[in-house]
C-alpha atoms as a PDB file:
ATOM      1  CA  UNK A   1      -0.082   0.168   0.249  1.00  0.00           C
ATOM      2  CA  UNK A   2       1.022   3.492  -0.281  1.00  0.00           C
ATOM      3  CA  UNK A   3       1.008   4.339   3.283  1.00  0.00           C
ATOM      4  CA  UNK A   4       3.440   1.239   3.932  1.00  0.00           C
ATOM      5  CA  UNK A   5       5.817   2.474   1.059  1.00  0.00           C
ATOM      6  CA  UNK A   6       5.795   6.057   2.924  1.00  0.00           C
ATOM      7  CA  UNK A   7       6.614   4.685   6.167  1.00  0.00           C
ATOM      8  CA  UNK A   8       9.292   2.981   4.464  1.00  0.00           C
ATOM      9  CA  UNK A   9      10.777   5.549   2.369  1.00  0.00           C
ATOM     10  CA  UNK A  10      10.714   7.981   5.564  1.00  0.00           C
ATOM     11  CA  UNK A  11      12.659   5.134   7.466  1.00  0.00           C
ATOM     12  CA  UNK A  12      15.021   4.919   4.830  1.00  0.00           C
ATOM     13  CA  UNK A  13      15.967   9.102   5.115  1.00  0.00           C
ATOM     14  CA  UNK A  14      15.632   8.971   8.799  1.00  0.00           C
ATOM     15  CA  UNK A  15      18.372   6.100   8.418  1.00  0.00           C
ATOM     16  CA  UNK A  16      20.350   8.065   5.944  1.00  0.00           C
ATOM     17  CA  UNK A  17      20.414  11.149   8.378  1.00  0.00           C
ATOM     18  CA  UNK A  18      20.765   9.645  11.823  1.00  0.00           C
ATOM     19  CA  UNK A  19      23.741   7.144  10.784  1.00  0.00           C
ATOM     20  CA  UNK A  20      25.218   8.852   7.729  1.00  0.00           C
ATOM     21  CA  UNK A  21      25.331   5.350   5.771  1.00  0.00           C
ATOM     22  CA  UNK A  22      25.139   5.239   2.125  1.00  0.00           C
ATOM     23  CA  UNK A  23      22.238   4.034   0.034  1.00  0.00           C
ATOM     24  CA  UNK A  24      23.848   0.759  -0.782  1.00  0.00           C
ATOM     25  CA  UNK A  25      24.673   0.481   3.052  1.00  0.00           C
ATOM     26  CA  UNK A  26      21.182   0.859   4.110  1.00  0.00           C
ATOM     27  CA  UNK A  27      19.787  -1.337   1.132  1.00  0.00           C
ATOM     28  CA  UNK A  28      21.919  -4.097   2.861  1.00  0.00           C
ATOM     29  CA  UNK A  29      20.767  -3.716   6.539  1.00  0.00           C
ATOM     30  CA  UNK A  30      19.093  -6.777   8.084  1.00  0.00           C
ATOM     31  CA  UNK A  31      17.139  -6.904  11.311  1.00  0.00           C
ATOM     32  CA  UNK A  32      19.964  -9.049  12.599  1.00  0.00           C
ATOM     33  CA  UNK A  33      22.412  -6.005  12.458  1.00  0.00           C
ATOM     34  CA  UNK A  34      19.920  -4.360  14.993  1.00  0.00           C
ATOM     35  CA  UNK A  35      20.631  -4.635  18.765  1.00  0.00           C
ATOM     36  CA  UNK A  36      17.433  -2.556  19.628  1.00  0.00           C
ATOM     37  CA  UNK A  37      17.085  -3.989  23.382  1.00  0.00           C
ATOM     38  CA  UNK A  38      20.688  -2.383  24.116  1.00  0.00           C
ATOM     39  CA  UNK A  39      20.079   0.374  26.632  1.00  0.00           C
ATOM     40  CA  UNK A  40      20.806   3.207  27.321  1.00  0.00           C
ATOM     41  CA  UNK A  41      21.406   3.413  23.262  1.00  0.00           C
ATOM     42  CA  UNK A  42      20.453   0.574  20.966  1.00  0.00           C
ATOM     43  CA  UNK A  43      22.886  -0.299  18.478  1.00  0.00           C
ATOM     44  CA  UNK A  44      23.272  -1.017  14.638  1.00  0.00           C
ATOM     45  CA  UNK A  45      26.468  -3.412  13.814  1.00  0.00           C
ATOM     46  CA  UNK A  46      27.234  -3.731  10.116  1.00  0.00           C
ATOM     47  CA  UNK A  47      29.598  -6.071   9.139  1.00  0.00           C
ATOM     48  CA  UNK A  48      33.009  -5.055   7.355  1.00  0.00           C
ATOM     49  CA  UNK A  49      31.670  -6.822   3.785  1.00  0.00           C
ATOM     50  CA  UNK A  50      28.458  -4.273   3.565  1.00  0.00           C
ATOM     51  CA  UNK A  51      30.766  -1.059   4.530  1.00  0.00           C
ATOM     52  CA  UNK A  52      32.519   0.885   1.970  1.00  0.00           C
ATOM     53  CA  UNK A  53      35.726   0.857   3.673  1.00  0.00           C
ATOM     54  CA  UNK A  54      35.388  -2.722   4.505  1.00  0.00           C
ATOM     55  CA  UNK A  55      35.538  -2.512   8.580  1.00  0.00           C
ATOM     56  CA  UNK A  56      33.037  -3.543  11.143  1.00  0.00           C
ATOM     57  CA  UNK A  57      31.027  -0.296  11.959  1.00  0.00           C
ATOM     58  CA  UNK A  58      28.713   0.143  15.168  1.00  0.00           C
ATOM     59  CA  UNK A  59      26.780   2.949  15.456  1.00  0.00           C
ATOM     60  CA  UNK A  60      24.492   3.941  18.480  1.00  0.00           C
ATOM     61  CA  UNK A  61      21.140   4.758  17.459  1.00  0.00           C
ATOM     62  CA  UNK A  62      18.240   7.279  19.227  1.00  0.00           C
ATOM     63  CA  UNK A  63      15.936   5.099  21.340  1.00  0.00           C
ATOM     64  CA  UNK A  64      13.062   6.976  19.903  1.00  0.00           C
ATOM     65  CA  UNK A  65      14.365   5.882  16.122  1.00  0.00           C
ATOM     66  CA  UNK A  66      15.133   2.283  17.582  1.00  0.00           C
ATOM     67  CA  UNK A  67      11.662   2.103  18.713  1.00  0.00           C
ATOM     68  CA  UNK A  68      10.562   3.139  15.148  1.00  0.00           C
ATOM     69  CA  UNK A  69      12.587   0.515  13.433  1.00  0.00           C
ATOM     70  CA  UNK A  70      11.534  -2.277  16.236  1.00  0.00           C
ATOM     71  CA  UNK A  71       8.121  -1.585  15.233  1.00  0.00           C
ATOM     72  CA  UNK A  72       8.924  -1.355  11.374  1.00  0.00           C
ATOM     73  CA  UNK A  73      10.290  -5.109  11.771  1.00  0.00           C
ATOM     74  CA  UNK A  74       7.122  -6.183  13.690  1.00  0.00           C
ATOM     75  CA  UNK A  75       4.732  -4.903  11.867  1.00  0.00           C
ATOM     76  CA  UNK A  76       6.231  -6.042   8.103  1.00  0.00           C
ATOM     77  CA  UNK A  77       7.327  -9.473   9.926  1.00  0.00           C
ATOM     78  CA  UNK A  78      10.654  -9.181   8.942  1.00  0.00           C
ATOM     79  CA  UNK A  79      12.892 -12.308   9.867  1.00  0.00           C
ATOM     80  CA  UNK A  80      16.485 -11.670  10.982  1.00  0.00           C
ATOM     81  CA  UNK A  81      18.088 -12.142   7.933  1.00  0.00           C
ATOM     82  CA  UNK A  82      15.662 -10.405   5.773  1.00  0.00           C
ATOM     83  CA  UNK A  83      16.261  -7.129   4.247  1.00  0.00           C
ATOM     84  CA  UNK A  84      15.571  -4.250   6.315  1.00  0.00           C
ATOM     85  CA  UNK A  85      14.123  -2.147   3.728  1.00  0.00           C
END
């Protein structure tokens, strides 16, 4: 539906702004890269094979943004190895 596409697009843009990741890196993200239960700040762990420089990246996420991602994963029934977007 259009509403789901709009929500997904908004999350892609937020991911780019909040993390500084490139489009290719965002496109390769999977739910298994996210540690959303981590406190005080959830974390995104990207393997080196996905990043441009070939090194693993660990990025802290704003808790409110992590909640949005968790809701997206739940609502779209994404598995750990599915593409996030």
